[in-house]
Structure formats: structure tokens, C-alpha cells
N, C-alpha and C. Protein backbone atom coordinates (compact mmCIF):
# COMPACT_ATOMS: atom_id res chain seq x y z
N MET A 1 47.12 50.16 -119.85
CA MET A 1 46.32 51.06 -120.51
C MET A 1 45.39 50.19 -121.19
N SER A 2 43.91 50.52 -120.99
CA SER A 2 43.01 49.89 -121.82
C SER A 2 43.02 50.33 -123.26
N GLY A 3 42.76 49.40 -124.12
CA GLY A 3 42.80 49.86 -125.60
C GLY A 3 41.56 50.61 -125.89
N PHE A 4 41.76 51.50 -126.80
CA PHE A 4 40.92 52.46 -127.43
C PHE A 4 40.82 51.91 -128.87
N CYS A 5 39.53 51.44 -129.31
CA CYS A 5 39.43 50.82 -130.64
C CYS A 5 38.75 51.88 -131.66
N LEU A 6 39.24 51.78 -132.67
CA LEU A 6 38.70 52.57 -133.84
C LEU A 6 37.18 51.98 -134.20
N HIS A 7 36.24 52.68 -134.68
CA HIS A 7 35.12 52.18 -135.17
C HIS A 7 34.97 52.61 -136.63
N SER A 8 34.27 51.78 -137.37
CA SER A 8 33.96 52.01 -138.72
C SER A 8 32.44 52.23 -138.82
N SER A 9 31.94 52.56 -139.79
CA SER A 9 30.50 52.85 -139.87
C SER A 9 29.65 51.70 -139.56
N GLY A 10 30.19 50.41 -139.81
CA GLY A 10 29.42 49.22 -139.66
C GLY A 10 29.77 48.47 -138.35
N GLY A 11 30.86 48.81 -137.78
CA GLY A 11 31.13 48.12 -136.52
C GLY A 11 32.66 48.24 -136.05
N LYS A 12 33.00 47.40 -135.30
CA LYS A 12 34.39 47.56 -134.63
C LYS A 12 35.63 47.10 -135.58
N LEU A 13 36.47 47.87 -135.63
CA LEU A 13 37.62 47.24 -136.42
C LEU A 13 38.49 46.33 -135.69
N ASP A 14 39.05 45.41 -136.35
CA ASP A 14 39.68 44.27 -135.51
C ASP A 14 41.03 44.95 -134.77
N ARG A 15 41.60 45.90 -135.38
CA ARG A 15 42.77 46.38 -134.68
C ARG A 15 42.66 47.24 -133.66
N ASP A 16 43.41 47.09 -132.51
CA ASP A 16 43.34 48.08 -131.48
C ASP A 16 44.45 49.17 -131.73
N ILE A 17 44.06 50.49 -131.70
CA ILE A 17 44.83 51.68 -132.05
C ILE A 17 46.17 51.49 -131.35
N TRP A 18 46.12 51.09 -130.00
CA TRP A 18 47.40 51.07 -129.24
C TRP A 18 48.44 50.05 -129.66
N SER A 19 48.05 49.03 -130.40
CA SER A 19 49.05 48.00 -130.93
C SER A 19 49.25 48.20 -132.43
N SER A 20 48.64 49.29 -132.98
CA SER A 20 49.15 49.48 -134.45
C SER A 20 50.46 50.14 -134.59
N ARG A 21 50.89 50.11 -135.86
CA ARG A 21 52.24 50.60 -136.04
C ARG A 21 52.29 51.97 -135.87
N ASN A 22 51.16 52.74 -136.00
CA ASN A 22 51.08 54.28 -135.78
C ASN A 22 50.80 54.55 -134.29
N ALA A 23 50.81 53.64 -133.34
CA ALA A 23 50.58 53.92 -131.98
C ALA A 23 51.33 54.95 -131.38
N LYS A 24 52.63 55.07 -131.85
CA LYS A 24 53.57 56.07 -131.25
C LYS A 24 53.24 57.53 -131.54
N PHE A 25 52.18 57.67 -132.33
CA PHE A 25 51.62 58.96 -132.63
C PHE A 25 50.52 59.45 -131.87
N PHE A 26 49.89 58.53 -130.90
CA PHE A 26 48.75 58.78 -130.26
C PHE A 26 49.24 58.72 -128.69
N TYR A 27 48.40 59.28 -127.87
CA TYR A 27 48.45 59.13 -126.46
C TYR A 27 47.10 59.27 -125.84
N GLY A 28 46.92 58.65 -124.66
CA GLY A 28 45.87 58.46 -124.05
C GLY A 28 45.46 59.84 -123.30
N CYS A 29 44.31 60.52 -123.59
CA CYS A 29 43.95 61.66 -122.99
C CYS A 29 43.68 61.51 -121.39
N SER A 30 43.32 60.50 -121.03
CA SER A 30 43.10 60.33 -119.69
C SER A 30 44.21 60.02 -118.75
N ASN A 31 45.36 59.65 -119.39
CA ASN A 31 46.39 59.36 -118.71
C ASN A 31 47.38 60.47 -118.47
N VAL A 32 46.86 61.42 -117.58
CA VAL A 32 47.86 62.60 -117.34
C VAL A 32 49.02 62.24 -116.39
N SER A 33 49.79 63.03 -116.26
CA SER A 33 51.06 62.74 -115.37
C SER A 33 50.69 62.79 -113.97
N ALA A 34 51.35 61.96 -113.25
CA ALA A 34 51.02 61.81 -111.84
C ALA A 34 51.35 63.21 -111.06
N LYS A 35 52.14 64.13 -111.77
CA LYS A 35 52.56 65.32 -111.22
C LYS A 35 51.41 66.38 -111.42
N PHE A 36 50.35 66.11 -112.17
CA PHE A 36 49.34 66.96 -112.46
C PHE A 36 48.38 66.93 -111.22
N ALA A 37 48.38 67.95 -110.53
CA ALA A 37 47.50 68.03 -109.34
C ALA A 37 46.05 68.03 -109.60
N LYS A 38 45.23 67.30 -108.91
CA LYS A 38 43.89 67.36 -109.07
C LYS A 38 43.20 68.69 -108.65
N ALA A 39 42.08 69.07 -109.21
CA ALA A 39 41.52 70.29 -109.09
C ALA A 39 41.25 70.68 -107.64
N GLU A 40 40.74 69.55 -106.87
CA GLU A 40 40.31 69.73 -105.51
C GLU A 40 41.67 70.26 -104.77
N LEU A 41 42.86 69.89 -105.28
CA LEU A 41 44.05 70.33 -104.46
C LEU A 41 44.57 71.85 -104.74
N VAL A 42 44.13 72.36 -106.01
CA VAL A 42 44.70 73.43 -106.48
C VAL A 42 43.55 74.59 -106.45
N SER A 43 42.41 74.21 -106.50
CA SER A 43 41.25 75.37 -106.56
C SER A 43 41.20 76.09 -105.21
N ARG A 44 41.46 77.42 -105.20
CA ARG A 44 41.34 78.23 -104.04
C ARG A 44 39.90 78.63 -103.76
N PRO A 45 39.42 78.39 -102.50
CA PRO A 45 38.09 78.53 -102.12
C PRO A 45 37.56 80.11 -102.43
N THR A 46 38.36 80.99 -102.48
CA THR A 46 37.93 82.44 -102.72
C THR A 46 38.13 82.92 -103.99
N ARG A 47 38.48 82.08 -104.94
CA ARG A 47 38.80 82.43 -106.33
C ARG A 47 37.55 81.80 -107.25
N TYR A 48 36.96 82.77 -108.00
CA TYR A 48 35.85 82.26 -108.89
C TYR A 48 36.11 83.02 -110.14
N LEU A 49 35.77 82.33 -111.33
CA LEU A 49 35.98 82.86 -112.69
C LEU A 49 34.61 82.67 -113.20
N ALA A 50 33.93 83.95 -113.56
CA ALA A 50 32.67 83.88 -114.34
C ALA A 50 33.01 84.40 -115.81
N ILE A 51 32.57 83.80 -116.68
CA ILE A 51 32.83 84.27 -118.07
C ILE A 51 31.44 84.34 -118.94
N ALA A 52 31.56 85.24 -119.85
CA ALA A 52 30.47 85.49 -120.91
C ALA A 52 31.17 85.40 -122.16
N THR A 53 30.71 84.50 -123.02
CA THR A 53 31.27 84.32 -124.31
C THR A 53 30.53 85.22 -125.35
N SER A 54 31.21 85.22 -126.53
CA SER A 54 30.53 85.99 -127.59
C SER A 54 30.86 85.25 -128.93
N GLY A 55 30.15 85.66 -129.93
CA GLY A 55 30.33 85.13 -131.36
C GLY A 55 29.24 84.09 -131.65
N GLY A 56 29.57 83.22 -132.69
CA GLY A 56 28.69 82.22 -132.96
C GLY A 56 29.03 80.89 -132.07
N LEU A 57 28.12 80.02 -132.21
CA LEU A 57 28.30 78.99 -131.33
C LEU A 57 29.67 78.16 -131.40
N ASN A 58 30.41 78.23 -132.46
CA ASN A 58 31.71 77.65 -132.55
C ASN A 58 32.60 78.61 -131.74
N GLN A 59 32.51 79.90 -131.91
CA GLN A 59 33.36 80.80 -131.06
C GLN A 59 33.13 80.72 -129.63
N GLN A 60 31.89 80.54 -129.23
CA GLN A 60 31.52 80.44 -127.90
C GLN A 60 32.06 79.04 -127.25
N ARG A 61 31.94 77.98 -128.10
CA ARG A 61 32.62 76.75 -127.61
C ARG A 61 34.12 76.96 -127.36
N THR A 62 34.72 77.65 -128.21
CA THR A 62 36.14 77.86 -128.09
C THR A 62 36.53 78.66 -126.75
N GLY A 63 35.56 79.58 -126.54
CA GLY A 63 35.63 80.55 -125.48
C GLY A 63 35.56 79.73 -124.09
N ILE A 64 34.55 78.67 -124.14
CA ILE A 64 34.33 77.83 -122.98
C ILE A 64 35.73 77.16 -122.76
N THR A 65 36.23 76.58 -123.71
CA THR A 65 37.48 75.77 -123.60
C THR A 65 38.60 76.68 -123.01
N ASP A 66 38.63 77.85 -123.51
CA ASP A 66 39.72 78.75 -123.00
C ASP A 66 39.29 79.15 -121.47
N ALA A 67 38.15 79.21 -121.13
CA ALA A 67 37.71 79.40 -119.82
C ALA A 67 38.14 78.32 -118.80
N VAL A 68 38.14 77.10 -119.27
CA VAL A 68 38.41 76.05 -118.43
C VAL A 68 39.83 76.07 -118.24
N VAL A 69 40.57 76.39 -119.33
CA VAL A 69 42.09 76.45 -119.19
C VAL A 69 42.46 77.76 -118.14
N ALA A 70 41.75 78.78 -118.30
CA ALA A 70 42.11 79.93 -117.51
C ALA A 70 41.71 79.74 -116.10
N ALA A 71 40.73 79.02 -115.87
CA ALA A 71 40.42 78.66 -114.47
C ALA A 71 41.42 77.83 -113.77
N ARG A 72 42.00 76.75 -114.58
CA ARG A 72 43.03 75.98 -114.04
C ARG A 72 44.40 76.75 -113.80
N ILE A 73 44.73 77.66 -114.78
CA ILE A 73 45.76 78.50 -114.64
C ILE A 73 45.81 79.41 -113.42
N LEU A 74 44.62 79.89 -113.02
CA LEU A 74 44.34 80.89 -112.08
C LEU A 74 43.92 80.19 -110.69
N ASN A 75 43.81 78.78 -110.78
CA ASN A 75 43.40 78.04 -109.54
C ASN A 75 42.05 78.54 -109.02
N ALA A 76 41.16 78.75 -109.94
CA ALA A 76 39.90 79.27 -109.70
C ALA A 76 38.87 78.26 -109.95
N THR A 77 37.70 78.61 -109.19
CA THR A 77 36.50 77.83 -109.60
C THR A 77 35.83 78.51 -110.79
N LEU A 78 35.43 77.69 -111.78
CA LEU A 78 34.70 78.23 -113.00
C LEU A 78 33.07 78.17 -112.71
N VAL A 79 32.61 79.15 -112.93
CA VAL A 79 31.19 79.26 -112.91
C VAL A 79 30.66 78.73 -114.26
N VAL A 80 29.57 77.97 -114.42
CA VAL A 80 29.06 77.76 -115.80
C VAL A 80 28.93 78.86 -116.61
N PRO A 81 29.57 78.84 -117.73
CA PRO A 81 29.45 80.12 -118.74
C PRO A 81 28.13 80.58 -119.07
N LYS A 82 28.12 81.89 -119.28
CA LYS A 82 26.98 82.48 -119.99
C LYS A 82 27.26 82.69 -121.38
N LEU A 83 26.27 82.11 -122.16
CA LEU A 83 26.42 82.30 -123.66
C LEU A 83 25.85 83.58 -124.05
N ASP A 84 26.41 84.04 -125.18
CA ASP A 84 25.93 85.28 -125.81
C ASP A 84 24.55 85.06 -126.39
N GLN A 85 23.69 85.84 -126.03
CA GLN A 85 22.36 85.73 -126.49
C GLN A 85 21.94 86.94 -127.40
N LYS A 86 22.77 87.89 -127.53
CA LYS A 86 22.41 89.20 -128.31
C LYS A 86 23.27 89.47 -129.60
N SER A 87 24.65 89.62 -129.35
CA SER A 87 25.27 90.21 -130.45
C SER A 87 25.43 89.46 -131.70
N PHE A 88 25.63 88.14 -131.77
CA PHE A 88 25.79 87.50 -133.07
C PHE A 88 24.62 86.44 -133.34
N TRP A 89 24.60 85.61 -132.34
CA TRP A 89 23.91 84.23 -132.32
C TRP A 89 22.40 84.61 -132.22
N LYS A 90 22.06 85.64 -131.60
CA LYS A 90 20.74 85.95 -131.19
C LYS A 90 19.62 84.78 -130.96
N ASP A 91 20.13 84.07 -130.02
CA ASP A 91 19.47 82.98 -129.56
C ASP A 91 19.25 83.08 -128.05
N ALA A 92 18.04 82.92 -127.58
CA ALA A 92 17.91 83.05 -126.06
C ALA A 92 18.28 81.70 -125.34
N SER A 93 18.94 80.76 -126.06
CA SER A 93 19.32 79.56 -125.21
C SER A 93 20.39 79.88 -124.22
N ASN A 94 20.20 79.31 -123.07
CA ASN A 94 21.35 79.33 -122.21
C ASN A 94 22.15 78.00 -122.17
N PHE A 95 23.32 78.03 -121.47
CA PHE A 95 24.27 76.79 -121.54
C PHE A 95 23.56 75.48 -121.23
N SER A 96 22.68 75.42 -120.34
CA SER A 96 22.18 74.07 -120.05
C SER A 96 21.03 73.64 -121.02
N GLU A 97 20.74 74.63 -122.08
CA GLU A 97 19.76 74.02 -122.94
C GLU A 97 20.40 73.65 -124.14
N ILE A 98 21.79 73.73 -124.29
CA ILE A 98 22.66 73.46 -125.34
C ILE A 98 23.50 72.28 -124.88
N PHE A 99 24.00 72.27 -123.67
CA PHE A 99 25.10 71.49 -123.29
C PHE A 99 24.45 70.75 -121.96
N ASP A 100 24.99 69.43 -121.69
CA ASP A 100 24.69 68.78 -120.62
C ASP A 100 25.64 69.28 -119.41
N VAL A 101 25.02 70.19 -118.51
CA VAL A 101 25.79 70.78 -117.52
C VAL A 101 26.40 69.90 -116.59
N ASP A 102 25.77 68.81 -116.17
CA ASP A 102 26.20 67.76 -115.18
C ASP A 102 27.37 67.08 -115.75
N TRP A 103 27.18 66.61 -117.06
CA TRP A 103 28.34 66.00 -117.68
C TRP A 103 29.59 66.92 -117.72
N PHE A 104 29.23 67.99 -118.24
CA PHE A 104 30.36 69.16 -118.44
C PHE A 104 31.15 69.21 -116.88
N ILE A 105 30.44 69.35 -115.94
CA ILE A 105 31.02 69.56 -114.56
C ILE A 105 31.80 68.16 -114.07
N SER A 106 31.10 67.09 -114.36
CA SER A 106 31.65 65.93 -113.97
C SER A 106 32.95 65.46 -114.63
N SER A 107 32.88 65.64 -116.00
CA SER A 107 33.89 65.18 -116.83
C SER A 107 35.19 65.92 -116.65
N LEU A 108 35.02 67.25 -116.27
CA LEU A 108 36.31 68.04 -115.81
C LEU A 108 36.78 68.18 -114.54
N SER A 109 35.96 67.32 -113.60
CA SER A 109 36.06 67.45 -112.30
C SER A 109 37.60 67.32 -111.72
N LYS A 110 38.26 66.50 -112.35
CA LYS A 110 39.71 66.30 -111.92
C LYS A 110 40.68 67.46 -112.29
N ASP A 111 40.30 68.11 -113.29
CA ASP A 111 41.08 69.19 -113.94
C ASP A 111 40.73 70.67 -113.45
N VAL A 112 39.43 70.85 -113.18
CA VAL A 112 39.02 72.31 -112.64
C VAL A 112 37.53 72.01 -112.05
N LYS A 113 37.60 72.76 -110.89
CA LYS A 113 36.23 72.88 -110.22
C LYS A 113 35.25 73.70 -110.92
N ILE A 114 34.03 73.22 -111.14
CA ILE A 114 33.07 74.06 -111.79
C ILE A 114 31.75 73.87 -110.98
N ILE A 115 30.99 75.12 -110.91
CA ILE A 115 29.91 75.31 -110.22
C ILE A 115 28.78 75.97 -111.03
N LYS A 116 27.63 75.68 -110.75
CA LYS A 116 26.47 76.23 -111.66
C LYS A 116 26.21 77.62 -111.47
N GLN A 117 26.46 78.21 -110.35
CA GLN A 117 26.20 79.61 -109.95
C GLN A 117 27.10 80.05 -108.88
N LEU A 118 27.33 81.39 -108.67
CA LEU A 118 28.24 81.92 -107.76
C LEU A 118 27.31 81.65 -106.46
N PRO A 119 28.07 81.41 -105.38
CA PRO A 119 27.49 81.24 -104.19
C PRO A 119 27.24 82.71 -103.58
N LYS A 120 26.11 82.80 -102.75
CA LYS A 120 25.80 84.02 -102.18
C LYS A 120 26.84 84.41 -101.16
N ARG A 121 27.07 85.72 -100.95
CA ARG A 121 28.13 86.22 -100.06
C ARG A 121 27.29 87.02 -98.98
N GLY A 122 27.23 86.87 -97.92
CA GLY A 122 26.33 87.48 -96.85
C GLY A 122 24.82 87.49 -97.12
N GLY A 123 24.52 86.39 -97.78
CA GLY A 123 23.11 86.37 -98.22
C GLY A 123 22.59 87.04 -99.40
N LYS A 124 23.81 87.81 -100.06
CA LYS A 124 23.42 88.56 -101.28
C LYS A 124 24.17 87.87 -102.41
N SER A 125 23.66 88.23 -103.60
CA SER A 125 24.43 87.73 -104.85
C SER A 125 25.64 88.82 -105.23
N TRP A 126 26.70 88.04 -105.76
CA TRP A 126 27.71 89.00 -106.10
C TRP A 126 27.56 89.66 -107.36
N THR A 127 28.20 90.71 -107.37
CA THR A 127 28.26 91.46 -108.80
C THR A 127 29.82 91.40 -109.22
N PRO A 128 29.94 90.56 -110.22
CA PRO A 128 31.27 90.23 -110.64
C PRO A 128 31.84 91.53 -111.27
N TYR A 129 33.23 91.76 -111.06
CA TYR A 129 33.81 92.79 -111.91
C TYR A 129 34.02 92.21 -113.30
N THR A 130 33.73 93.13 -114.25
CA THR A 130 33.72 92.72 -115.63
C THR A 130 34.97 93.27 -116.35
N MET A 131 35.76 92.40 -116.97
CA MET A 131 36.90 92.94 -117.69
C MET A 131 36.97 92.17 -119.10
N ARG A 132 37.84 92.75 -120.02
CA ARG A 132 38.13 91.99 -121.15
C ARG A 132 39.39 91.63 -121.17
N VAL A 133 39.58 90.40 -121.91
CA VAL A 133 40.99 89.76 -122.01
C VAL A 133 41.20 89.64 -123.55
N PRO A 134 42.50 89.74 -123.77
CA PRO A 134 42.86 89.57 -125.42
C PRO A 134 42.33 88.26 -125.81
N ARG A 135 42.01 88.03 -127.22
CA ARG A 135 41.66 86.97 -127.76
C ARG A 135 42.71 85.70 -127.56
N LYS A 136 43.82 85.97 -127.58
CA LYS A 136 44.91 84.98 -127.38
C LYS A 136 45.81 85.37 -126.14
N CYS A 137 45.02 85.15 -124.98
CA CYS A 137 45.58 85.46 -123.67
C CYS A 137 46.57 84.22 -123.26
N SER A 138 47.68 84.42 -123.11
CA SER A 138 48.70 83.30 -122.62
C SER A 138 48.62 83.12 -121.13
N GLU A 139 49.25 82.15 -120.51
CA GLU A 139 49.25 81.78 -119.17
C GLU A 139 49.86 83.15 -118.39
N ARG A 140 50.76 83.74 -118.78
CA ARG A 140 51.44 85.03 -118.23
C ARG A 140 50.25 86.10 -118.36
N CYS A 141 49.57 86.15 -119.47
CA CYS A 141 48.51 87.14 -119.55
C CYS A 141 47.50 87.03 -118.48
N TYR A 142 46.93 85.73 -118.36
CA TYR A 142 46.00 85.47 -117.36
C TYR A 142 46.54 85.79 -115.86
N GLN A 143 47.83 85.49 -115.63
CA GLN A 143 48.32 85.77 -114.26
C GLN A 143 48.58 87.19 -114.12
N ASN A 144 48.88 87.94 -115.20
CA ASN A 144 49.16 89.40 -115.03
C ASN A 144 47.89 90.18 -114.96
N ARG A 145 46.90 89.91 -115.75
CA ARG A 145 45.74 90.79 -115.90
C ARG A 145 44.54 90.24 -115.08
N VAL A 146 44.25 89.03 -115.00
CA VAL A 146 43.07 88.55 -114.25
C VAL A 146 43.33 88.13 -112.86
N LEU A 147 44.46 87.56 -112.68
CA LEU A 147 44.75 87.09 -111.29
C LEU A 147 44.75 88.24 -110.20
N PRO A 148 45.46 89.45 -110.52
CA PRO A 148 45.29 90.51 -109.59
C PRO A 148 43.74 90.84 -109.24
N VAL A 149 42.92 90.89 -110.25
CA VAL A 149 41.41 91.30 -110.01
C VAL A 149 40.76 90.30 -109.24
N ILE A 150 41.10 88.96 -109.44
CA ILE A 150 40.49 87.92 -108.57
C ILE A 150 40.97 88.02 -107.21
N LEU A 151 42.29 88.13 -106.88
CA LEU A 151 43.00 88.24 -105.62
C LEU A 151 42.23 89.39 -104.91
N LYS A 152 41.82 90.60 -105.48
CA LYS A 152 41.41 91.75 -104.92
C LYS A 152 39.89 91.44 -104.65
N ARG A 153 39.32 91.10 -105.64
CA ARG A 153 37.71 91.12 -105.52
C ARG A 153 37.22 89.61 -105.19
N HIS A 154 37.91 88.63 -105.10
CA HIS A 154 37.65 87.25 -104.97
C HIS A 154 36.74 86.60 -105.96
N VAL A 155 36.40 87.46 -107.05
CA VAL A 155 35.64 86.96 -108.12
C VAL A 155 35.88 87.77 -109.37
N SER A 156 36.02 87.25 -110.46
CA SER A 156 36.18 87.95 -111.61
C SER A 156 35.28 87.36 -112.73
N SER A 157 34.54 88.24 -113.42
CA SER A 157 33.79 87.93 -114.56
C SER A 157 34.55 88.74 -115.83
N TYR A 158 34.81 87.89 -116.61
CA TYR A 158 35.46 88.36 -117.82
C TYR A 158 34.62 87.93 -119.12
N SER A 159 34.87 88.82 -120.03
CA SER A 159 34.14 88.52 -121.44
C SER A 159 35.13 88.04 -122.52
N LEU A 160 35.03 86.98 -123.09
CA LEU A 160 35.92 86.68 -124.32
C LEU A 160 35.30 87.07 -125.47
N TYR A 161 36.08 87.86 -126.29
CA TYR A 161 35.63 88.39 -127.52
C TYR A 161 36.46 87.94 -128.70
N PHE A 162 35.79 87.40 -129.55
CA PHE A 162 36.56 86.80 -130.82
C PHE A 162 36.19 87.62 -132.17
């Protein structure tokens, strides 16, 4: 494993975090188990998850994180999330105006497949089925509530409310 060095405000610290006495409390985020299948192997070509977030920017960020996990659980392709522009934040900015979309997609590419928009079906845009999920939806919750909708309709759009 290559070292991850801590930085101070003025420059690089001399100690490598992996050789410190506290190294046992840290682990490398990029060193996932070999048993963790890559997104390309688990994402089903007919499963799409489109989400709309709500709340303030921090709640929306949390919702985006939850959506990445949900897409992985459901073996679905995640559509770049839609941000709440009306209820709380009242800002017309979209995801790409706040976040680097290409970096978002590439940095998560091994974990979950992400696309910028739903593909057309028969030359027409899809109208996703909209549903609500509980704020603290577990793996079983996603499998019991969202997966049946995705399997039936091949796309699910759900809103995360906090």
C-alpha cells in the first residue's frame, strides 16, 4: 500500500500515517476486498435509479450518498441526481453547477454505474415512477420497497425526504 501522508498548514509532516503507532485505527478507502464486485459486473442493464433530493444542501448531499448506496444495493444504474430547487434551498442550481459531474461519475465508477440522464426508450423519454422511501431505509427496505418497482417498470425515481 502506498503511504498517505498527513499535511499541516505549512507543509508535509515527516511521519507517514501508515507507519505511526495509530495506524491500526486507519484503513485505506481504496483497498476494498477482492470479493467486492466491480460495478460493471453487478449493474443490470434494465435497472435505473433516478432520485430527487430535498432539504438544504447538506441534506441533499446526504441524499446523494444514500442514492449511491441504494443503486449498489439494487444493482441499478444511478442517474445523476436532481437537486431540490423549490422547497427549502430555493436555488435554481442543478447538480452540474455545484458538483463536478464527470469527477462524480469517474470516482465512483468501480462501485456504481452512473449516467447523466436516462436513455430514451423507443425514441421517447421515460417517465419514471415516483415513490417515497423512509429517511433511514435499510438494505432490506430498498430490496422490499424499491426493487419490485424497478423490476416491474425498469426504472424507478424516488425522492429522499429529510
